[in-house]
Amino acid sequence: MSAAIVGLGLTEVGKVYGLRAVDFAAEAVGLAVSDSGLRFNDIDGLLVSAGKSGGLDLTLAENLGLQDLAILEQVNAFGATAGAMVARAAQAVESGQAKHIVCVFADAPLREGVGASGTYQRKAASGYGGHLVASGISSTTSYYALAAQRHMQTYGTTSEQLGAVAVSQRAWAVHNPVAQFREPITLEDHQASRRIADPLRLLDCCLVSNGGAAIVVTTAERAAALSQPAVHIWGWGQGHPGYRWERGSDFGLVTGAVQSGQAAMKMAGITPDDVTIREIYDCYTYTTIVTLEDYGFCSKGEGGPLAASGALGPGGSLPTNTGGGQLSSYYLWGMTPLVEAVIQARGDGGERQVPDNGMILVSGNGGILQHHASLVLSPHLKEAS
């Protein structure tokens, strides 16, 4: 018995005001259940993930009128949560714990008239953390800038190579009707954008979005009788390196994507050469580069030149973040790459659809490169081993 994604729900995303995270979550769940062809009384499992704004918890089940659930859990691995939820749901339906499980994430950090820049500001800390804040490391971007700097100093990665990631993903977003940014950009535009935390510029950084997304997971056998083509879950894995802020750490050079990617691909019985589409968690352009390296799509230090070659964009040999990713499309933590993977696996990508959608690798990254989750998805049923 194997698991599959059979329903997908995505609310309006971006600068959408007047709704709470719980409102977005309820809408996303309704859309996903309807999309699958199921009814609410068919759902016997709910996995909930709340973002920065909070207000979303297990009471969502009561708000939705769900009863007699076999599984009801709140999951949080930050940006790796979506992958963790899918793995949990897959295990549950494969073991018979539940029949139809919804996984939902929603957030509403944006407020009308208030800038987005402070949304992910780091709070003052005591102890060693206080020294970091006192030194000027006061935001999530500051930490990722340190990681990017280390990668650049070690491997010679350049700002222009980071910019190539932003340019290629915007080229994908041009054809994504739900993307927040759809105007093409050039490398010159990237280089002219203001610095946020050296070496990261504005166009190296992801969006902040309000909205919600949900999927429905069931068995492949049940999926065959439902409305949508099944997106089969071939493999999953996690990796949590626990880097220390001290000399000798691999922080910025190697991430938990190594462990999680190897686990997911081993379960799926594939190698990086078998992957036809990559949906990578791209909170920053640097994150895309280091994750591609850690998954084995190129050697260490070659992620920058790979991006600069044009391989990641439309028409390239390694289609990556085909909806525009979190840099240009929208930011719903790990749901952003997962939603696009489902769209591509179904063949619903329209002008941005990749012809060869046979094997899709999805990544999630949480915290400051601290938590990673990977999924292997396919429109094809995996043969029993």
Protein backbone atom coordinates (compact mmCIF):
# COMPACT_ATOMS: atom_id res chain seq x y z
CA MET A 1 0.00 0.00 0.00
CA SER A 2 1.29 3.49 -0.87
CA ALA A 3 0.14 7.07 -0.28
CA ALA A 4 -0.84 9.83 -2.66
CA ILE A 5 -1.88 13.49 -2.63
CA VAL A 6 -5.41 13.78 -4.04
CA GLY A 7 -6.58 17.27 -3.13
CA LEU A 8 -5.04 20.75 -3.32
CA GLY A 9 -6.33 24.03 -1.95
CA LEU A 10 -4.67 27.44 -2.23
CA THR A 11 -6.30 30.67 -1.08
CA GLU A 12 -5.58 34.09 -2.49
CA VAL A 13 -2.02 34.92 -1.40
CA GLY A 14 -0.02 38.09 -0.87
CA LYS A 15 -1.26 41.39 0.50
CA VAL A 16 -4.65 40.01 1.45
CA TYR A 17 -5.97 41.87 4.47
CA GLY A 18 -8.85 41.49 6.88
CA LEU A 19 -8.52 37.73 7.39
CA ARG A 20 -6.87 35.76 10.19
CA ALA A 21 -4.69 32.70 9.76
CA VAL A 22 -7.59 30.51 10.88
CA ASP A 23 -9.78 32.04 8.17
CA PHE A 24 -7.20 31.26 5.49
CA ALA A 25 -6.79 27.74 6.89
CA ALA A 26 -10.52 27.02 6.81
CA GLU A 27 -10.76 28.23 3.23
CA ALA A 28 -7.73 26.20 2.13
CA VAL A 29 -9.09 23.01 3.71
CA GLY A 30 -12.46 23.52 2.02
CA LEU A 31 -10.80 24.04 -1.35
CA ALA A 32 -8.59 20.95 -0.93
CA VAL A 33 -11.46 18.67 0.11
CA SER A 34 -13.64 19.92 -2.75
CA ASP A 35 -10.77 19.51 -5.20
CA SER A 36 -10.35 15.87 -4.18
CA GLY A 37 -14.01 15.02 -4.71
CA LEU A 38 -14.36 13.97 -1.08
CA ARG A 39 -16.82 15.31 1.49
CA PHE A 40 -15.97 16.73 4.90
CA ASN A 41 -17.35 13.67 6.65
CA ASP A 42 -14.81 11.57 4.70
CA ILE A 43 -11.93 13.37 6.46
CA ASP A 44 -10.67 11.50 9.51
CA GLY A 45 -7.28 13.17 9.96
CA LEU A 46 -6.10 16.79 10.26
CA LEU A 47 -2.52 18.07 10.59
CA VAL A 48 -2.24 21.78 11.34
CA SER A 49 0.73 24.13 10.96
CA ALA A 50 0.67 27.75 12.09
CA GLY A 51 3.04 30.47 10.90
CA LYS A 52 4.34 33.67 12.51
CA SER A 53 0.95 35.26 13.19
CA GLY A 54 -0.34 32.34 15.27
CA GLY A 55 -3.99 31.86 16.08
CA LEU A 56 -4.18 28.53 14.29
CA ASP A 57 -4.33 25.36 16.36
CA LEU A 58 -6.26 22.15 16.94
CA THR A 59 -9.52 24.04 17.41
CA LEU A 60 -9.58 24.35 13.61
CA ALA A 61 -11.14 20.87 13.56
CA GLU A 62 -14.03 22.09 15.70
CA ASN A 63 -14.39 25.22 13.58
CA LEU A 64 -14.65 23.04 10.47
CA GLY A 65 -17.17 20.72 12.09
CA LEU A 66 -14.87 17.71 11.79
CA GLN A 67 -15.81 14.86 14.11
CA ASP A 68 -14.53 11.43 15.08
CA LEU A 69 -11.02 12.15 13.80
CA ALA A 70 -8.51 9.35 14.06
CA ILE A 71 -5.60 11.82 13.91
CA LEU A 72 -5.47 15.46 15.00
CA GLU A 73 -2.05 17.04 15.48
CA GLN A 74 -0.28 20.38 15.36
CA VAL A 75 3.09 20.12 13.61
CA ASN A 76 5.95 22.60 13.61
CA ALA A 77 9.38 22.28 12.03
CA PHE A 78 9.23 25.83 10.65
CA GLY A 79 9.86 25.79 6.91
CA ALA A 80 10.33 22.02 6.99
CA THR A 81 6.84 21.46 8.37
CA ALA A 82 5.06 20.76 5.08
CA GLY A 83 7.39 17.87 4.28
CA ALA A 84 7.07 16.53 7.81
CA MET A 85 3.25 16.69 7.63
CA VAL A 86 3.12 14.85 4.31
CA ALA A 87 5.39 12.12 5.67
CA ARG A 88 3.26 11.78 8.81
CA ALA A 89 0.08 11.63 6.75
CA ALA A 90 1.56 9.08 4.36
CA GLN A 91 2.64 6.83 7.21
CA ALA A 92 -0.80 7.08 8.80
CA VAL A 93 -2.82 6.16 5.72
CA GLU A 94 -0.39 3.40 4.74
CA SER A 95 -0.69 1.84 8.21
CA GLY A 96 -4.47 2.15 8.30
CA GLN A 97 -4.55 4.71 11.13
CA ALA A 98 -6.68 7.00 8.98
CA LYS A 99 -8.20 7.09 5.50
CA HIS A 100 -8.14 10.72 4.36
CA ILE A 101 -5.86 13.26 6.04
CA VAL A 102 -5.73 17.01 5.40
CA CYS A 103 -2.46 18.90 5.94
CA VAL A 104 -2.89 22.67 6.22
CA PHE A 105 -0.69 25.73 6.74
CA ALA A 106 -1.86 29.32 7.00
CA ASP A 107 -0.39 32.62 8.10
CA ALA A 108 -1.35 36.29 8.15
CA PRO A 109 1.74 38.24 9.24
CA LEU A 110 1.08 41.26 6.98
CA ARG A 111 -0.94 44.20 8.24
CA GLU A 112 -2.33 46.93 6.03
CA GLY A 113 -0.20 50.07 6.23
CA VAL A 114 2.61 48.26 8.08
CA GLY A 115 5.83 47.30 6.31
CA ALA A 116 6.81 43.66 5.96
CA SER A 117 10.48 44.19 6.89
CA GLY A 118 9.99 43.63 10.62
CA THR A 119 7.89 40.48 10.32
CA TYR A 120 10.81 38.10 10.80
CA GLN A 121 12.93 40.40 13.00
CA ARG A 122 14.78 38.49 15.71
CA LYS A 123 13.82 39.32 19.28
CA ALA A 124 16.40 40.36 21.84
CA ALA A 125 18.07 37.37 23.48
CA SER A 126 19.97 36.71 26.69
CA GLY A 127 23.23 34.86 27.14
CA TYR A 128 25.23 34.10 24.01
CA GLY A 129 22.29 35.10 21.87
CA GLY A 130 22.51 38.57 23.36
CA HIS A 131 26.08 38.94 22.08
CA LEU A 132 24.87 38.15 18.56
CA VAL A 133 22.13 40.76 18.74
CA ALA A 134 24.58 43.31 20.17
CA SER A 135 26.91 42.67 17.23
CA GLY A 136 24.18 43.67 14.81
CA ILE A 137 22.78 40.24 13.95
CA SER A 138 19.19 41.22 14.62
CA SER A 139 17.22 39.53 11.85
CA THR A 140 16.82 36.21 10.10
CA THR A 141 18.35 37.81 7.01
CA SER A 142 21.50 38.65 9.01
CA TYR A 143 22.04 34.99 9.82
CA TYR A 144 21.49 33.89 6.24
CA ALA A 145 23.87 36.64 5.12
CA LEU A 146 26.55 35.05 7.31
CA ALA A 147 25.86 31.68 5.73
CA ALA A 148 26.01 33.16 2.23
CA GLN A 149 29.25 35.00 3.04
CA ARG A 150 30.87 31.79 4.20
CA HIS A 151 29.80 29.99 1.03
CA MET A 152 31.19 32.84 -1.06
CA GLN A 153 34.50 32.96 0.80
CA THR A 154 34.95 29.19 0.64
CA TYR A 155 33.83 28.46 -2.91
CA GLY A 156 34.05 31.78 -4.72
CA THR A 157 30.29 32.11 -5.16
CA THR A 158 29.43 35.61 -6.38
CA SER A 159 26.57 38.07 -5.97
CA GLU A 160 25.93 37.78 -9.69
CA GLN A 161 25.45 34.01 -9.31
CA LEU A 162 22.96 34.59 -6.51
CA GLY A 163 21.24 37.04 -8.83
CA ALA A 164 20.98 34.38 -11.52
CA VAL A 165 18.70 32.41 -9.18
CA ALA A 166 16.42 35.42 -8.73
CA VAL A 167 16.31 36.06 -12.48
CA SER A 168 15.52 32.46 -13.40
CA GLN A 169 12.77 32.14 -10.83
CA ARG A 170 11.16 35.38 -11.90
CA ALA A 171 11.15 34.01 -15.45
CA TRP A 172 9.06 31.10 -14.16
CA ALA A 173 6.78 33.42 -12.18
CA VAL A 174 5.90 35.36 -15.33
CA HIS A 175 3.66 32.42 -16.28
CA ASN A 176 2.21 31.80 -12.81
CA PRO A 177 -1.15 33.59 -12.44
CA VAL A 178 -1.00 33.54 -8.63
CA ALA A 179 2.55 34.91 -8.33
CA GLN A 180 2.90 38.22 -6.51
CA PHE A 181 5.71 39.39 -8.83
CA ARG A 182 5.36 38.62 -12.54
CA GLU A 183 7.42 41.33 -14.21
CA PRO A 184 10.68 39.95 -15.65
CA ILE A 185 13.93 41.11 -14.04
CA THR A 186 17.50 41.18 -15.26
CA LEU A 187 20.80 40.59 -13.51
CA GLU A 188 21.28 44.35 -13.66
CA ASP A 189 18.02 44.80 -11.75
CA HIS A 190 19.29 42.40 -9.10
CA GLN A 191 22.61 44.19 -8.75
CA ALA A 192 20.87 47.55 -8.49
CA SER A 193 18.51 46.42 -5.71
CA ARG A 194 19.46 47.69 -2.27
CA ARG A 195 21.52 45.67 0.16
CA ILE A 196 19.61 44.22 3.09
CA ALA A 197 22.46 42.40 4.85
CA ASP A 198 25.72 42.02 2.95
CA PRO A 199 25.89 40.14 0.59
CA LEU A 200 22.11 39.74 0.33
CA ARG A 201 20.20 42.30 -1.69
CA LEU A 202 16.47 42.92 -1.79
CA LEU A 203 16.02 40.59 -4.77
CA ASP A 204 17.88 37.83 -2.90
CA CYS A 205 15.15 37.73 -0.25
CA CYS A 206 11.78 36.00 -0.24
CA LEU A 207 8.38 37.63 -0.03
CA VAL A 208 6.15 37.92 3.02
CA SER A 209 2.60 36.74 2.27
CA ASN A 210 -0.78 36.21 3.84
CA GLY A 211 -2.69 33.11 2.79
CA GLY A 212 -3.19 29.41 3.27
CA ALA A 213 -2.63 26.09 1.52
CA ALA A 214 -3.82 22.55 2.14
CA ILE A 215 -3.51 19.09 0.63
CA VAL A 216 -5.38 15.82 1.12
CA VAL A 217 -3.47 12.54 1.51
CA THR A 218 -4.93 9.06 1.12
CA THR A 219 -3.86 5.68 -0.23
CA ALA A 220 -3.15 5.14 -3.91
CA GLU A 221 -5.98 2.58 -4.01
CA ARG A 222 -8.54 5.11 -2.77
CA ALA A 223 -7.03 7.81 -4.98
CA ALA A 224 -7.94 5.86 -8.11
CA ALA A 225 -11.64 6.53 -7.47
CA LEU A 226 -11.33 10.26 -6.78
CA SER A 227 -11.61 13.39 -8.89
CA GLN A 228 -7.98 14.37 -9.47
CA PRO A 229 -5.01 12.45 -10.84
CA ALA A 230 -3.03 11.09 -7.92
CA VAL A 231 0.34 12.56 -7.01
CA HIS A 232 2.16 9.58 -5.57
CA ILE A 233 4.46 9.96 -2.57
CA TRP A 234 7.57 7.91 -3.31
CA GLY A 235 9.83 8.98 -0.47
CA TRP A 236 10.50 11.32 2.40
CA GLY A 237 13.27 12.23 4.82
CA GLN A 238 14.39 14.76 7.42
CA GLY A 239 17.72 16.22 8.55
CA HIS A 240 18.47 18.40 11.58
CA PRO A 241 22.22 19.14 11.77
CA GLY A 242 22.20 21.13 15.03
CA TYR A 243 25.15 23.33 14.08
CA ARG A 244 26.94 25.16 16.89
CA TRP A 245 28.13 28.73 16.53
CA GLU A 246 31.78 27.82 16.90
CA ARG A 247 34.97 27.20 14.98
CA GLY A 248 34.90 24.07 12.82
CA SER A 249 31.16 24.14 12.18
CA ASP A 250 29.90 23.41 8.66
CA PHE A 251 27.28 26.15 9.01
CA GLY A 252 26.67 27.76 5.63
CA LEU A 253 28.60 25.10 3.74
CA VAL A 254 26.61 21.91 4.29
CA THR A 255 22.96 21.68 5.34
CA GLY A 256 20.51 19.06 6.54
CA ALA A 257 19.39 18.74 2.92
CA VAL A 258 22.19 16.15 2.58
CA GLN A 259 20.65 13.83 5.15
CA SER A 260 17.02 14.47 4.27
CA GLY A 261 17.61 14.28 0.53
CA GLN A 262 19.55 11.04 0.72
CA ALA A 263 16.85 9.49 2.91
CA ALA A 264 14.02 10.54 0.59
CA MET A 265 15.78 9.41 -2.57
CA LYS A 266 16.83 6.11 -1.02
CA MET A 267 13.23 5.40 -0.02
CA ALA A 268 12.09 6.32 -3.53
CA GLY A 269 14.81 4.18 -5.11
CA ILE A 270 16.16 7.03 -7.24
CA THR A 271 19.25 9.19 -7.67
CA PRO A 272 19.55 12.91 -8.46
CA ASP A 273 19.88 11.97 -12.15
CA ASP A 274 16.31 10.63 -12.08
CA VAL A 275 14.81 13.91 -10.85
CA THR A 276 13.14 15.96 -13.58
CA ILE A 277 11.83 18.91 -11.52
CA ARG A 278 13.24 20.52 -8.36
CA GLU A 279 10.99 22.56 -6.04
CA ILE A 280 13.48 24.02 -3.57
CA TYR A 281 12.79 26.03 -0.43
CA ASP A 282 14.16 29.44 -1.42
CA CYS A 283 13.89 31.85 1.48
CA TYR A 284 17.01 33.36 -0.09
CA THR A 285 18.80 32.85 -3.39
CA TYR A 286 21.71 31.35 -1.44
CA THR A 287 19.40 28.67 -0.02
CA THR A 288 18.55 27.45 -3.51
CA ILE A 289 22.23 27.15 -4.41
CA VAL A 290 23.37 25.32 -1.28
CA THR A 291 20.38 22.94 -1.36
CA LEU A 292 20.99 21.98 -4.99
CA GLU A 293 24.59 21.18 -4.05
CA ASP A 294 23.57 19.15 -1.01
CA TYR A 295 21.04 17.15 -3.01
CA GLY A 296 23.82 16.17 -5.42
CA PHE A 297 22.72 18.05 -8.54
CA CYS A 298 26.24 19.47 -8.69
CA SER A 299 29.41 19.28 -6.65
CA LYS A 300 30.12 21.49 -3.66
CA GLY A 301 30.92 25.01 -4.79
CA GLU A 302 29.38 24.51 -8.24
CA GLY A 303 25.89 25.74 -7.33
CA GLY A 304 26.71 29.32 -8.28
CA PRO A 305 28.07 28.49 -11.74
CA LEU A 306 25.12 26.13 -12.25
CA ALA A 307 22.67 28.97 -11.62
CA ALA A 308 24.64 31.33 -13.84
CA SER A 309 24.50 28.80 -16.69
CA GLY A 310 20.73 29.23 -17.04
CA ALA A 311 20.08 25.57 -16.23
CA LEU A 312 17.48 26.39 -13.55
CA GLY A 313 15.15 28.57 -15.62
CA PRO A 314 12.58 27.92 -18.34
CA GLY A 315 14.15 25.85 -21.10
CA GLY A 316 17.07 24.90 -18.85
CA SER A 317 18.31 21.39 -18.21
CA LEU A 318 17.41 21.44 -14.48
CA PRO A 319 14.00 23.13 -14.09
CA THR A 320 13.91 24.56 -10.57
CA ASN A 321 11.19 26.42 -8.65
CA THR A 322 8.88 26.42 -11.63
CA GLY A 323 6.23 28.66 -10.06
CA GLY A 324 8.67 31.40 -9.11
CA GLY A 325 9.29 30.08 -5.62
CA GLN A 326 9.17 32.17 -2.49
CA LEU A 327 11.31 34.83 -4.16
CA SER A 328 8.69 35.78 -6.74
CA SER A 329 5.50 33.78 -6.23
CA TYR A 330 4.39 33.74 -2.58
CA TYR A 331 5.70 32.69 0.83
CA LEU A 332 3.75 30.02 2.69
CA TRP A 333 6.71 28.26 4.28
CA GLY A 334 7.21 24.75 2.86
CA MET A 335 3.78 24.76 1.28
CA THR A 336 5.09 27.00 -1.51
CA PRO A 337 7.32 24.34 -3.13
CA LEU A 338 4.84 21.58 -2.27
CA VAL A 339 1.89 23.27 -3.98
CA GLU A 340 3.91 23.86 -7.15
CA ALA A 341 5.10 20.24 -7.12
CA VAL A 342 1.50 19.01 -7.04
CA ILE A 343 0.56 21.37 -9.88
CA GLN A 344 3.48 20.16 -12.01
CA ALA A 345 2.82 16.49 -11.21
CA ARG A 346 -0.80 16.91 -12.34
CA GLY A 347 0.29 18.63 -15.53
CA ASP A 348 -1.63 21.77 -14.57
CA GLY A 349 1.23 24.25 -14.96
CA GLY A 350 -0.07 25.89 -18.11
CA GLU A 351 2.63 27.89 -19.88
CA ARG A 352 5.16 26.99 -17.19
CA GLN A 353 4.43 23.24 -17.28
CA VAL A 354 7.60 21.15 -17.53
CA PRO A 355 7.08 18.43 -20.17
CA ASP A 356 8.93 15.77 -18.18
CA ASN A 357 7.23 15.78 -14.78
CA GLY A 358 7.99 12.17 -13.91
CA MET A 359 10.02 12.71 -10.75
CA ILE A 360 9.80 15.80 -8.53
CA LEU A 361 12.01 16.55 -5.52
CA VAL A 362 10.60 18.97 -2.93
CA SER A 363 12.57 20.57 -0.11
CA GLY A 364 11.72 22.38 3.09
CA ASN A 365 14.13 24.40 5.23
CA GLY A 366 13.36 25.75 8.68
CA GLY A 367 15.05 28.04 11.13
CA ILE A 368 18.57 29.13 10.20
CA LEU A 369 19.40 26.03 8.13
CA GLN A 370 18.49 23.99 11.22
CA HIS A 371 15.62 21.82 9.98
CA HIS A 372 15.17 20.12 6.63
CA ALA A 373 12.57 17.89 5.03
CA SER A 374 12.52 16.31 1.57
CA LEU A 375 9.82 14.63 -0.50
CA VAL A 376 9.89 12.69 -3.74
CA LEU A 377 6.63 12.95 -5.68
CA SER A 378 5.53 11.51 -9.01
CA PRO A 379 2.41 11.23 -11.17
CA HIS A 380 3.33 7.55 -11.55
CA LEU A 381 2.51 4.79 -9.10
CA LYS A 382 5.63 3.34 -7.53
CA GLU A 383 6.02 -0.36 -8.17
CA ALA A 384 6.12 -2.53 -5.09
CA SER A 385 9.66 -3.65 -4.25
